[in-house]
Every structure is written in structure tokens, then in C-alpha cells.
PDB file of N, CA and C in Angstrom:
ATOM      1  N   MET A   1       9.239 -22.339  -8.832  1.00  0.00           N
ATOM      2  CA  MET A   1       9.722 -20.917  -8.324  1.00  0.00           C
ATOM      3  C   MET A   1       9.953 -20.089  -9.559  1.00  0.00           C
ATOM      4  N   GLU A   2       9.564 -18.897  -9.422  1.00  0.00           N
ATOM      5  CA  GLU A   2       9.547 -17.848 -10.457  1.00  0.00           C
ATOM      6  C   GLU A   2      10.479 -16.590  -9.786  1.00  0.00           C
ATOM      7  N   VAL A   3      11.396 -16.177 -10.523  1.00  0.00           N
ATOM      8  CA  VAL A   3      12.297 -15.189 -10.211  1.00  0.00           C
ATOM      9  C   VAL A   3      12.325 -14.116 -11.368  1.00  0.00           C
ATOM     10  N   ARG A   4      12.075 -12.909 -11.050  1.00  0.00           N
ATOM     11  CA  ARG A   4      12.018 -11.955 -12.197  1.00  0.00           C
ATOM     12  C   ARG A   4      12.794 -10.651 -11.727  1.00  0.00           C
ATOM     13  N   TRP A   5      13.690 -10.265 -12.449  1.00  0.00           N
ATOM     14  CA  TRP A   5      14.394  -8.919 -12.300  1.00  0.00           C
ATOM     15  C   TRP A   5      13.938  -7.964 -13.102  1.00  0.00           C
ATOM     16  N   ILE A   6      13.423  -6.845 -12.746  1.00  0.00           N
ATOM     17  CA  ILE A   6      12.782  -5.816 -13.649  1.00  0.00           C
ATOM     18  C   ILE A   6      13.153  -4.451 -13.324  1.00  0.00           C
ATOM     19  N   ARG A   7      13.050  -3.529 -14.385  1.00  0.00           N
ATOM     20  CA  ARG A   7      13.334  -2.248 -14.214  1.00  0.00           C
ATOM     21  C   ARG A   7      12.003  -1.337 -14.279  1.00  0.00           C
ATOM     22  N   HIS A   8      11.894  -0.298 -13.514  1.00  0.00           N
ATOM     23  CA  HIS A   8      10.771   0.599 -13.561  1.00  0.00           C
ATOM     24  C   HIS A   8       9.387   0.081 -13.666  1.00  0.00           C
ATOM     25  N   SER A   9       9.150  -0.807 -14.357  1.00  0.00           N
ATOM     26  CA  SER A   9       7.753  -1.433 -14.348  1.00  0.00           C
ATOM     27  C   SER A   9       7.797  -2.901 -14.704  1.00  0.00           C
ATOM     28  N   LEU A  10       6.683  -3.457 -14.591  1.00  0.00           N
ATOM     29  CA  LEU A  10       6.520  -5.023 -14.920  1.00  0.00           C
ATOM     30  C   LEU A  10       6.753  -5.330 -16.276  1.00  0.00           C
ATOM     31  N   SER A  11       6.779  -4.411 -17.273  1.00  0.00           N
ATOM     32  CA  SER A  11       6.994  -4.623 -18.676  1.00  0.00           C
ATOM     33  C   SER A  11       8.538  -4.577 -19.025  1.00  0.00           C
ATOM     34  N   GLU A  12       9.302  -4.186 -18.118  1.00  0.00           N
ATOM     35  CA  GLU A  12      10.813  -4.131 -18.387  1.00  0.00           C
ATOM     36  C   GLU A  12      11.525  -5.139 -17.708  1.00  0.00           C
ATOM     37  N   THR A  13      11.544  -6.285 -18.350  1.00  0.00           N
ATOM     38  CA  THR A  13      12.198  -7.509 -17.660  1.00  0.00           C
ATOM     39  C   THR A  13      13.671  -7.416 -18.082  1.00  0.00           C
ATOM     40  N   VAL A  14      14.586  -7.617 -16.974  1.00  0.00           N
ATOM     41  CA  VAL A  14      15.946  -7.772 -17.116  1.00  0.00           C
ATOM     42  C   VAL A  14      16.293  -9.114 -17.216  1.00  0.00           C
ATOM     43  N   HIS A  15      15.762  -9.865 -16.354  1.00  0.00           N
ATOM     44  CA  HIS A  15      15.998 -11.370 -16.484  1.00  0.00           C
ATOM     45  C   HIS A  15      14.733 -12.185 -15.830  1.00  0.00           C
ATOM     46  N   HIS A  16      14.339 -13.242 -16.474  1.00  0.00           N
ATOM     47  CA  HIS A  16      13.196 -14.095 -15.903  1.00  0.00           C
ATOM     48  C   HIS A  16      13.685 -15.426 -15.934  1.00  0.00           C
ATOM     49  N   TYR A  17      13.522 -16.067 -14.699  1.00  0.00           N
ATOM     50  CA  TYR A  17      13.771 -17.571 -14.469  1.00  0.00           C
ATOM     51  C   TYR A  17      12.565 -18.174 -13.901  1.00  0.00           C
ATOM     52  N   TYR A  18      12.059 -19.266 -14.503  1.00  0.00           N
ATOM     53  CA  TYR A  18      10.924 -19.984 -13.936  1.00  0.00           C
ATOM     54  C   TYR A  18      11.127 -21.443 -13.985  1.00  0.00           C
ATOM     55  N   ASN A  19      10.915 -22.169 -12.925  1.00  0.00           N
ATOM     56  CA  ASN A  19      10.999 -23.608 -12.725  1.00  0.00           C
ATOM     57  C   ASN A  19      12.383 -24.196 -13.395  1.00  0.00           C
ATOM     58  N   GLY A  20      13.370 -23.506 -13.097  1.00  0.00           N
ATOM     59  CA  GLY A  20      14.667 -24.153 -13.588  1.00  0.00           C
ATOM     60  C   GLY A  20      15.258 -23.596 -14.935  1.00  0.00           C
ATOM     61  N   GLU A  21      14.534 -22.836 -15.496  1.00  0.00           N
ATOM     62  CA  GLU A  21      14.904 -22.306 -16.813  1.00  0.00           C
ATOM     63  C   GLU A  21      15.008 -20.747 -16.843  1.00  0.00           C
ATOM     64  N   ASP A  22      15.985 -20.269 -17.558  1.00  0.00           N
ATOM     65  CA  ASP A  22      15.991 -18.783 -17.952  1.00  0.00           C
ATOM     66  C   ASP A  22      15.135 -18.708 -19.242  1.00  0.00           C
ATOM     67  N   LEU A  23      14.249 -17.558 -19.019  1.00  0.00           N
ATOM     68  CA  LEU A  23      13.287 -17.361 -20.052  1.00  0.00           C
ATOM     69  C   LEU A  23      13.776 -16.053 -20.706  1.00  0.00           C
ATOM     70  N   TYR A  24      14.126 -15.962 -21.993  1.00  0.00           N
ATOM     71  CA  TYR A  24      14.773 -14.730 -22.536  1.00  0.00           C
ATOM     72  C   TYR A  24      13.669 -13.892 -23.424  1.00  0.00           C
ATOM     73  N   ARG A  25      12.561 -14.640 -23.734  1.00  0.00           N
ATOM     74  CA  ARG A  25      11.595 -13.982 -24.674  1.00  0.00           C
ATOM     75  C   ARG A  25      11.140 -12.535 -24.223  1.00  0.00           C
ATOM     76  N   GLU A  26      10.863 -12.467 -22.895  1.00  0.00           N
ATOM     77  CA  GLU A  26      10.453 -11.329 -22.467  1.00  0.00           C
ATOM     78  C   GLU A  26      11.429 -10.120 -22.047  1.00  0.00           C
ATOM     79  N   GLN A  27      12.732 -10.584 -22.281  1.00  0.00           N
ATOM     80  CA  GLN A  27      13.884  -9.698 -21.799  1.00  0.00           C
ATOM     81  C   GLN A  27      13.923  -8.553 -22.646  1.00  0.00           C
ATOM     82  N   MET A  28      14.165  -7.322 -21.975  1.00  0.00           N
ATOM     83  CA  MET A  28      14.471  -5.946 -22.803  1.00  0.00           C
ATOM     84  C   MET A  28      15.617  -6.286 -23.644  1.00  0.00           C
ATOM     85  N   GLY A  29      15.449  -5.662 -24.756  1.00  0.00           N
ATOM     86  CA  GLY A  29      16.746  -5.769 -25.787  1.00  0.00           C
ATOM     87  C   GLY A  29      17.979  -5.504 -25.242  1.00  0.00           C
ATOM     88  N   ALA A  30      17.994  -4.242 -24.371  1.00  0.00           N
ATOM     89  CA  ALA A  30      19.242  -3.778 -23.843  1.00  0.00           C
ATOM     90  C   ALA A  30      20.013  -4.681 -23.027  1.00  0.00           C
ATOM     91  N   TYR A  31      19.249  -5.778 -22.509  1.00  0.00           N
ATOM     92  CA  TYR A  31      19.845  -6.698 -21.566  1.00  0.00           C
ATOM     93  C   TYR A  31      20.252  -8.110 -22.370  1.00  0.00           C
ATOM     94  N   ALA A  32      19.850  -8.299 -23.643  1.00  0.00           N
ATOM     95  CA  ALA A  32      19.915  -9.398 -24.409  1.00  0.00           C
ATOM     96  C   ALA A  32      21.351  -9.959 -24.388  1.00  0.00           C
ATOM     97  N   GLY A  33      21.581 -11.236 -23.918  1.00  0.00           N
ATOM     98  CA  GLY A  33      22.821 -11.852 -23.903  1.00  0.00           C
ATOM     99  C   GLY A  33      23.778 -11.397 -22.855  1.00  0.00           C
ATOM    100  N   ARG A  34      23.251 -10.589 -21.812  1.00  0.00           N
ATOM    101  CA  ARG A  34      24.130 -10.142 -20.762  1.00  0.00           C
ATOM    102  C   ARG A  34      23.954 -10.296 -19.416  1.00  0.00           C
ATOM    103  N   THR A  35      22.748 -11.236 -19.329  1.00  0.00           N
ATOM    104  CA  THR A  35      22.312 -11.574 -17.811  1.00  0.00           C
ATOM    105  C   THR A  35      22.340 -12.979 -17.697  1.00  0.00           C
ATOM    106  N   GLU A  36      22.334 -13.475 -16.416  1.00  0.00           N
ATOM    107  CA  GLU A  36      22.163 -14.742 -16.050  1.00  0.00           C
ATOM    108  C   GLU A  36      21.967 -14.753 -14.496  1.00  0.00           C
ATOM    109  N   LEU A  37      21.151 -15.708 -14.058  1.00  0.00           N
ATOM    110  CA  LEU A  37      20.757 -15.868 -12.633  1.00  0.00           C
ATOM    111  C   LEU A  37      21.860 -16.662 -12.038  1.00  0.00           C
ATOM    112  N   ALA A  38      22.450 -16.144 -10.901  1.00  0.00           N
ATOM    113  CA  ALA A  38      23.568 -16.846 -10.353  1.00  0.00           C
ATOM    114  C   ALA A  38      23.002 -18.102  -9.561  1.00  0.00           C
ATOM    115  N   ARG A  39      22.961 -19.206 -10.139  1.00  0.00           N
ATOM    116  CA  ARG A  39      22.355 -20.479  -9.590  1.00  0.00           C
ATOM    117  C   ARG A  39      23.120 -21.023  -8.345  1.00  0.00           C
ATOM    118  N   ASP A  40      24.349 -20.747  -8.291  1.00  0.00           N
ATOM    119  CA  ASP A  40      25.238 -21.366  -7.143  1.00  0.00           C
ATOM    120  C   ASP A  40      24.597 -21.036  -5.797  1.00  0.00           C
ATOM    121  N   GLY A  41      23.805 -19.952  -5.665  1.00  0.00           N
ATOM    122  CA  GLY A  41      23.245 -19.520  -4.391  1.00  0.00           C
ATOM    123  C   GLY A  41      21.722 -19.758  -4.185  1.00  0.00           C
ATOM    124  N   LEU A  42      21.177 -20.276  -5.256  1.00  0.00           N
ATOM    125  CA  LEU A  42      19.749 -20.488  -5.140  1.00  0.00           C
ATOM    126  C   LEU A  42      19.337 -21.357  -3.965  1.00  0.00           C
ATOM    127  N   SER A  43      19.973 -22.442  -3.699  1.00  0.00           N
ATOM    128  CA  SER A  43      19.449 -23.260  -2.589  1.00  0.00           C
ATOM    129  C   SER A  43      19.654 -22.527  -1.267  1.00  0.00           C
ATOM    130  N   ALA A  44      20.419 -21.493  -1.081  1.00  0.00           N
ATOM    131  CA  ALA A  44      20.646 -20.766   0.161  1.00  0.00           C
ATOM    132  C   ALA A  44      19.649 -19.525   0.072  1.00  0.00           C
ATOM    133  N   GLY A  45      19.029 -19.418  -0.921  1.00  0.00           N
ATOM    134  CA  GLY A  45      18.001 -18.215  -1.213  1.00  0.00           C
ATOM    135  C   GLY A  45      18.642 -16.843  -1.689  1.00  0.00           C
ATOM    136  N   SER A  46      19.911 -17.054  -2.435  1.00  0.00           N
ATOM    137  CA  SER A  46      20.489 -15.950  -3.112  1.00  0.00           C
ATOM    138  C   SER A  46      19.826 -15.911  -4.430  1.00  0.00           C
ATOM    139  N   LEU A  47      19.320 -14.789  -4.911  1.00  0.00           N
ATOM    140  CA  LEU A  47      18.713 -14.747  -6.037  1.00  0.00           C
ATOM    141  C   LEU A  47      19.377 -13.587  -6.933  1.00  0.00           C
ATOM    142  N   ASP A  48      20.805 -13.578  -7.022  1.00  0.00           N
ATOM    143  CA  ASP A  48      21.530 -12.687  -7.629  1.00  0.00           C
ATOM    144  C   ASP A  48      21.489 -12.860  -9.150  1.00  0.00           C
ATOM    145  N   VAL A  49      21.332 -11.633  -9.875  1.00  0.00           N
ATOM    146  CA  VAL A  49      21.516 -11.676 -11.396  1.00  0.00           C
ATOM    147  C   VAL A  49      22.788 -10.973 -11.573  1.00  0.00           C
ATOM    148  N   ARG A  50      23.543 -11.651 -12.635  1.00  0.00           N
ATOM    149  CA  ARG A  50      24.845 -11.073 -13.079  1.00  0.00           C
ATOM    150  C   ARG A  50      24.529 -10.394 -14.326  1.00  0.00           C
ATOM    151  N   ILE A  51      25.065  -9.194 -14.505  1.00  0.00           N
ATOM    152  CA  ILE A  51      24.800  -8.375 -15.654  1.00  0.00           C
ATOM    153  C   ILE A  51      26.358  -8.128 -16.178  1.00  0.00           C
ATOM    154  N   THR A  52      26.685  -8.609 -17.424  1.00  0.00           N
ATOM    155  CA  THR A  52      27.915  -8.612 -17.959  1.00  0.00           C
ATOM    156  C   THR A  52      27.874  -7.450 -18.861  1.00  0.00           C
ATOM    157  N   MET A  53      29.209  -6.841 -19.312  1.00  0.00           N
ATOM    158  CA  MET A  53      29.337  -5.813 -20.173  1.00  0.00           C
ATOM    159  C   MET A  53      28.496  -4.501 -19.647  1.00  0.00           C
ATOM    160  N   VAL A  54      28.786  -4.182 -18.399  1.00  0.00           N
ATOM    161  CA  VAL A  54      27.969  -3.189 -17.597  1.00  0.00           C
ATOM    162  C   VAL A  54      28.164  -1.873 -18.501  1.00  0.00           C
ATOM    163  N   ARG A  55      26.925  -1.167 -18.708  1.00  0.00           N
ATOM    164  CA  ARG A  55      26.890   0.250 -19.418  1.00  0.00           C
ATOM    165  C   ARG A  55      26.483   1.248 -18.377  1.00  0.00           C
ATOM    166  N   PRO A  56      26.668   2.497 -18.675  1.00  0.00           N
ATOM    167  CA  PRO A  56      26.208   3.560 -17.750  1.00  0.00           C
ATOM    168  C   PRO A  56      24.697   3.593 -17.702  1.00  0.00           C
ATOM    169  N   SER A  57      23.996   3.100 -18.725  1.00  0.00           N
ATOM    170  CA  SER A  57      22.618   3.113 -18.744  1.00  0.00           C
ATOM    171  C   SER A  57      22.031   1.858 -17.797  1.00  0.00           C
ATOM    172  N   ASP A  58      22.888   1.113 -17.287  1.00  0.00           N
ATOM    173  CA  ASP A  58      22.483   0.018 -16.428  1.00  0.00           C
ATOM    174  C   ASP A  58      22.237   0.623 -14.970  1.00  0.00           C
ATOM    175  N   ASP A  59      22.735   1.856 -14.719  1.00  0.00           N
ATOM    176  CA  ASP A  59      22.678   2.412 -13.456  1.00  0.00           C
ATOM    177  C   ASP A  59      21.294   2.695 -12.959  1.00  0.00           C
ATOM    178  N   GLY A  60      20.845   2.418 -11.671  1.00  0.00           N
ATOM    179  CA  GLY A  60      19.717   2.702 -11.237  1.00  0.00           C
ATOM    180  C   GLY A  60      18.931   1.512 -10.385  1.00  0.00           C
ATOM    181  N   GLN A  61      17.633   1.726 -10.339  1.00  0.00           N
ATOM    182  CA  GLN A  61      17.006   0.699  -9.389  1.00  0.00           C
ATOM    183  C   GLN A  61      16.430  -0.591 -10.082  1.00  0.00           C
ATOM    184  N   TYR A  62      16.595  -1.758  -9.535  1.00  0.00           N
ATOM    185  CA  TYR A  62      16.066  -2.830 -10.020  1.00  0.00           C
ATOM    186  C   TYR A  62      15.250  -3.510  -8.908  1.00  0.00           C
ATOM    187  N   ILE A  63      14.268  -4.189  -9.454  1.00  0.00           N
ATOM    188  CA  ILE A  63      13.221  -5.049  -8.483  1.00  0.00           C
ATOM    189  C   ILE A  63      13.289  -6.498  -8.738  1.00  0.00           C
ATOM    190  N   CYS A  64      13.572  -7.029  -7.699  1.00  0.00           N
ATOM    191  CA  CYS A  64      13.536  -8.634  -7.767  1.00  0.00           C
ATOM    192  C   CYS A  64      12.259  -9.006  -7.101  1.00  0.00           C
ATOM    193  N   THR A  65      11.588  -9.792  -7.961  1.00  0.00           N
ATOM    194  CA  THR A  65      10.287 -10.487  -7.441  1.00  0.00           C
ATOM    195  C   THR A  65      10.613 -12.030  -7.376  1.00  0.00           C
ATOM    196  N   VAL A  66      10.085 -12.629  -6.310  1.00  0.00           N
ATOM    197  CA  VAL A  66      10.211 -14.085  -6.328  1.00  0.00           C
ATOM    198  C   VAL A  66       8.904 -14.682  -5.776  1.00  0.00           C
ATOM    199  N   GLY A  67       8.415 -15.781  -6.385  1.00  0.00           N
ATOM    200  CA  GLY A  67       7.244 -16.350  -5.909  1.00  0.00           C
ATOM    201  C   GLY A  67       7.055 -17.699  -6.303  1.00  0.00           C
ATOM    202  N   ASP A  68       6.137 -18.452  -5.664  1.00  0.00           N
ATOM    203  CA  ASP A  68       5.700 -19.761  -6.052  1.00  0.00           C
ATOM    204  C   ASP A  68       4.199 -19.977  -5.515  1.00  0.00           C
ATOM    205  N   ALA A  69       3.638 -21.128  -5.606  1.00  0.00           N
ATOM    206  CA  ALA A  69       2.221 -21.273  -5.259  1.00  0.00           C
ATOM    207  C   ALA A  69       1.888 -20.814  -3.909  1.00  0.00           C
ATOM    208  N   ASP A  70       2.894 -20.772  -2.960  1.00  0.00           N
ATOM    209  CA  ASP A  70       2.789 -20.432  -1.569  1.00  0.00           C
ATOM    210  C   ASP A  70       2.915 -19.139  -1.188  1.00  0.00           C
ATOM    211  N   ALA A  71       3.811 -18.408  -1.709  1.00  0.00           N
ATOM    212  CA  ALA A  71       4.441 -17.130  -1.284  1.00  0.00           C
ATOM    213  C   ALA A  71       4.954 -16.229  -2.437  1.00  0.00           C
ATOM    214  N   TYR A  72       5.053 -14.952  -2.026  1.00  0.00           N
ATOM    215  CA  TYR A  72       5.531 -14.063  -3.041  1.00  0.00           C
ATOM    216  C   TYR A  72       6.287 -12.902  -2.170  1.00  0.00           C
ATOM    217  N   ASN A  73       7.486 -12.398  -2.743  1.00  0.00           N
ATOM    218  CA  ASN A  73       8.093 -11.431  -2.072  1.00  0.00           C
ATOM    219  C   ASN A  73       8.922 -10.587  -3.095  1.00  0.00           C
ATOM    220  N   GLU A  74       9.343  -9.358  -2.696  1.00  0.00           N
ATOM    221  CA  GLU A  74      10.272  -8.570  -3.577  1.00  0.00           C
ATOM    222  C   GLU A  74      11.168  -7.814  -2.798  1.00  0.00           C
ATOM    223  N   ALA A  75      12.206  -7.464  -3.604  1.00  0.00           N
ATOM    224  CA  ALA A  75      13.164  -6.462  -2.985  1.00  0.00           C
ATOM    225  C   ALA A  75      13.735  -5.517  -3.978  1.00  0.00           C
ATOM    226  N   ILE A  76      14.128  -4.393  -3.525  1.00  0.00           N
ATOM    227  CA  ILE A  76      14.548  -3.282  -4.451  1.00  0.00           C
ATOM    228  C   ILE A  76      16.093  -3.230  -4.256  1.00  0.00           C
ATOM    229  N   VAL A  77      16.861  -3.135  -5.375  1.00  0.00           N
ATOM    230  CA  VAL A  77      18.320  -2.993  -5.231  1.00  0.00           C
ATOM    231  C   VAL A  77      18.729  -1.755  -6.156  1.00  0.00           C
ATOM    232  N   GLU A  78      19.679  -1.176  -5.606  1.00  0.00           N
ATOM    233  CA  GLU A  78      20.184   0.051  -6.337  1.00  0.00           C
ATOM    234  C   GLU A  78      21.647  -0.239  -7.075  1.00  0.00           C
ATOM    235  N   LEU A  79      21.632  -0.251  -8.257  1.00  0.00           N
ATOM    236  CA  LEU A  79      22.976  -0.344  -8.858  1.00  0.00           C
ATOM    237  C   LEU A  79      23.629   0.916  -9.211  1.00  0.00           C
ATOM    238  N   GLU A  80      24.798   1.109  -8.811  1.00  0.00           N
ATOM    239  CA  GLU A  80      25.608   2.381  -9.111  1.00  0.00           C
ATOM    240  C   GLU A  80      26.611   2.064 -10.048  1.00  0.00           C
ATOM    241  N   VAL A  81      26.646   2.630 -11.238  1.00  0.00           N
ATOM    242  CA  VAL A  81      27.735   2.305 -12.263  1.00  0.00           C
ATOM    243  C   VAL A  81      28.558   3.468 -12.233  1.00  0.00           C
ATOM    244  N   SER A  82      29.889   3.374 -12.065  1.00  0.00           N
ATOM    245  CA  SER A  82      30.850   4.511 -12.259  1.00  0.00           C
ATOM    246  C   SER A  82      32.000   4.034 -13.065  1.00  0.00           C
ATOM    247  N   GLY A  83      32.677   4.959 -13.556  1.00  0.00           N
ATOM    248  CA  GLY A  83      33.619   4.493 -14.472  1.00  0.00           C
ATOM    249  C   GLY A  83      34.483   5.534 -15.045  1.00  0.00           C
TER     250      GLY A  83
END
């Protein structure tokens, strides 16, 4: 299974998870060391990404894509940062 959280375009990876591993090499520098996939909900279909040390620049639209050999789907989430 592959889960990818992205911003704006496929080239802006916030978090990438593939076959049980977090892959950080494609991650945008702005998110380095600040994200993790919440694995406690994976078996129930929850694909939440946790962003720590939230910044005003984190505000906006995120796209979650998920796929495997048999299926692909995506969802759009809006994050509103206030402070």
C-alpha cells in the first residue's frame, strides 16, 4: 500500500508511506522532521498525517492519495491554521 500526502502538485510531497515504511527522501524541506503517518488507524482505513510544530505556512489544501495494485483513491483536506 502507498499513501502520499501532497500540496499543490505531485512534486510537493508532505509525507510518503510505502509498504510499511515512511519515505522521507521526496519530502519537501519545509516538512522535514515534522510529519508522521498515524499508524494506529491504518487497519481501520484512517490515513491521517500528523504535522508537528505547525506554522502559518502549513495552512491550505492537502491531497491524500492511496493506492495498491488493485485500487487508487484520493481525498482533499483543508487545514486552517489560526493563532
